[in-house]
């Protein structure tokens, strides 16, 4: 069984787009194949400067995959790619 892919979403409280992406990740994670975590960009000054105007940002195995919106089909395609 291959190692699950690592997904990180950079987000912030009060961000509607962030909530939509997190709901999608929660739903898709039930299929398996990846684990995900959320990091609040406002918890760290460097992260806030790096991602302030880009949240949500989704990384798959350390590579930026999506910004602002995440298409579920495209996410699954990139997950197996």
C-alpha atoms as a PDB file:
ATOM      1  CA  UNK A   1       0.000   0.000   0.000  1.00  0.00           C
ATOM      2  CA  UNK A   2       1.547   3.338  -1.005  1.00  0.00           C
ATOM      3  CA  UNK A   3       2.102   6.090   1.518  1.00  0.00           C
ATOM      4  CA  UNK A   4      -0.800   8.543   1.651  1.00  0.00           C
ATOM      5  CA  UNK A   5      -0.154  11.887  -0.015  1.00  0.00           C
ATOM      6  CA  UNK A   6       0.270  14.877   2.280  1.00  0.00           C
ATOM      7  CA  UNK A   7      -2.058  17.820   1.667  1.00  0.00           C
ATOM      8  CA  UNK A   8      -1.764  21.178   3.417  1.00  0.00           C
ATOM      9  CA  UNK A   9      -4.270  24.011   3.125  1.00  0.00           C
ATOM     10  CA  UNK A  10      -3.197  27.477   4.191  1.00  0.00           C
ATOM     11  CA  UNK A  11      -6.256  29.401   5.314  1.00  0.00           C
ATOM     12  CA  UNK A  12      -7.575  31.916   7.818  1.00  0.00           C
ATOM     13  CA  UNK A  13     -10.594  32.324  10.046  1.00  0.00           C
ATOM     14  CA  UNK A  14     -13.543  34.083   8.459  1.00  0.00           C
ATOM     15  CA  UNK A  15     -12.562  33.087   4.924  1.00  0.00           C
ATOM     16  CA  UNK A  16     -15.551  31.699   3.002  1.00  0.00           C
ATOM     17  CA  UNK A  17     -13.410  30.243   0.195  1.00  0.00           C
ATOM     18  CA  UNK A  18     -11.263  28.508   2.827  1.00  0.00           C
ATOM     19  CA  UNK A  19     -14.352  26.865   4.326  1.00  0.00           C
ATOM     20  CA  UNK A  20     -15.440  25.579   0.911  1.00  0.00           C
ATOM     21  CA  UNK A  21     -12.002  24.034   0.253  1.00  0.00           C
ATOM     22  CA  UNK A  22     -11.870  22.445   3.723  1.00  0.00           C
ATOM     23  CA  UNK A  23     -15.344  20.930   3.229  1.00  0.00           C
ATOM     24  CA  UNK A  24     -14.178  19.416  -0.068  1.00  0.00           C
ATOM     25  CA  UNK A  25     -11.013  18.018   1.529  1.00  0.00           C
ATOM     26  CA  UNK A  26     -13.011  16.509   4.389  1.00  0.00           C
ATOM     27  CA  UNK A  27     -15.379  14.830   1.932  1.00  0.00           C
ATOM     28  CA  UNK A  28     -12.617  13.602  -0.388  1.00  0.00           C
ATOM     29  CA  UNK A  29     -10.449  12.315   2.450  1.00  0.00           C
ATOM     30  CA  UNK A  30     -13.066   9.646   3.173  1.00  0.00           C
ATOM     31  CA  UNK A  31     -11.896   7.940  -0.033  1.00  0.00           C
ATOM     32  CA  UNK A  32      -8.396   7.637   1.399  1.00  0.00           C
ATOM     33  CA  UNK A  33      -5.117   8.185  -0.389  1.00  0.00           C
ATOM     34  CA  UNK A  34      -4.218  11.388   1.424  1.00  0.00           C
ATOM     35  CA  UNK A  35      -4.128  13.071   4.787  1.00  0.00           C
ATOM     36  CA  UNK A  36      -4.556  16.790   5.188  1.00  0.00           C
ATOM     37  CA  UNK A  37      -3.924  19.519   7.664  1.00  0.00           C
ATOM     38  CA  UNK A  38      -4.880  23.154   7.923  1.00  0.00           C
ATOM     39  CA  UNK A  39      -2.460  25.945   8.776  1.00  0.00           C
ATOM     40  CA  UNK A  40      -3.783  29.370   9.760  1.00  0.00           C
ATOM     41  CA  UNK A  41      -1.676  31.972   7.949  1.00  0.00           C
ATOM     42  CA  UNK A  42      -2.470  34.515  10.655  1.00  0.00           C
ATOM     43  CA  UNK A  43      -0.681  32.347  13.237  1.00  0.00           C
ATOM     44  CA  UNK A  44       2.745  33.277  11.837  1.00  0.00           C
ATOM     45  CA  UNK A  45       4.018  36.579  10.456  1.00  0.00           C
ATOM     46  CA  UNK A  46       6.041  34.934   7.684  1.00  0.00           C
ATOM     47  CA  UNK A  47       3.072  32.857   6.534  1.00  0.00           C
ATOM     48  CA  UNK A  48       0.821  35.918   6.640  1.00  0.00           C
ATOM     49  CA  UNK A  49       3.254  37.842   4.423  1.00  0.00           C
ATOM     50  CA  UNK A  50       3.671  34.886   2.045  1.00  0.00           C
ATOM     51  CA  UNK A  51       0.000  33.923   1.636  1.00  0.00           C
ATOM     52  CA  UNK A  52      -1.977  36.975   2.810  1.00  0.00           C
ATOM     53  CA  UNK A  53      -3.761  37.652  -0.488  1.00  0.00           C
ATOM     54  CA  UNK A  54      -3.807  34.058  -1.748  1.00  0.00           C
ATOM     55  CA  UNK A  55      -5.812  32.025   0.767  1.00  0.00           C
ATOM     56  CA  UNK A  56      -6.863  29.365   0.528  1.00  0.00           C
ATOM     57  CA  UNK A  57      -3.743  27.766  -0.915  1.00  0.00           C
ATOM     58  CA  UNK A  58      -3.549  23.973  -1.263  1.00  0.00           C
ATOM     59  CA  UNK A  59      -0.258  22.088  -1.454  1.00  0.00           C
ATOM     60  CA  UNK A  60       0.069  18.410  -2.373  1.00  0.00           C
ATOM     61  CA  UNK A  61       3.318  16.866  -1.124  1.00  0.00           C
ATOM     62  CA  UNK A  62       4.874  20.313  -0.768  1.00  0.00           C
ATOM     63  CA  UNK A  63       3.921  21.588  -4.232  1.00  0.00           C
ATOM     64  CA  UNK A  64       1.373  24.355  -4.728  1.00  0.00           C
ATOM     65  CA  UNK A  65      -1.642  22.838  -6.453  1.00  0.00           C
ATOM     66  CA  UNK A  66      -4.520  25.312  -6.019  1.00  0.00           C
ATOM     67  CA  UNK A  67      -5.104  28.918  -5.020  1.00  0.00           C
ATOM     68  CA  UNK A  68      -8.490  30.474  -4.112  1.00  0.00           C
ATOM     69  CA  UNK A  69     -10.563  27.566  -5.488  1.00  0.00           C
ATOM     70  CA  UNK A  70     -10.079  23.806  -5.717  1.00  0.00           C
ATOM     71  CA  UNK A  71     -11.796  21.666  -8.330  1.00  0.00           C
ATOM     72  CA  UNK A  72     -12.479  18.248  -6.791  1.00  0.00           C
ATOM     73  CA  UNK A  73     -11.958  16.286 -10.021  1.00  0.00           C
ATOM     74  CA  UNK A  74      -8.695  18.093 -10.716  1.00  0.00           C
ATOM     75  CA  UNK A  75      -7.604  17.479  -7.119  1.00  0.00           C
ATOM     76  CA  UNK A  76      -8.209  13.727  -7.485  1.00  0.00           C
ATOM     77  CA  UNK A  77      -6.379  13.714 -10.829  1.00  0.00           C
ATOM     78  CA  UNK A  78      -3.354  15.436  -9.304  1.00  0.00           C
ATOM     79  CA  UNK A  79      -3.459  13.110  -6.327  1.00  0.00           C
ATOM     80  CA  UNK A  80      -2.848  10.055  -8.506  1.00  0.00           C
ATOM     81  CA  UNK A  81      -0.462  11.859 -10.876  1.00  0.00           C
END
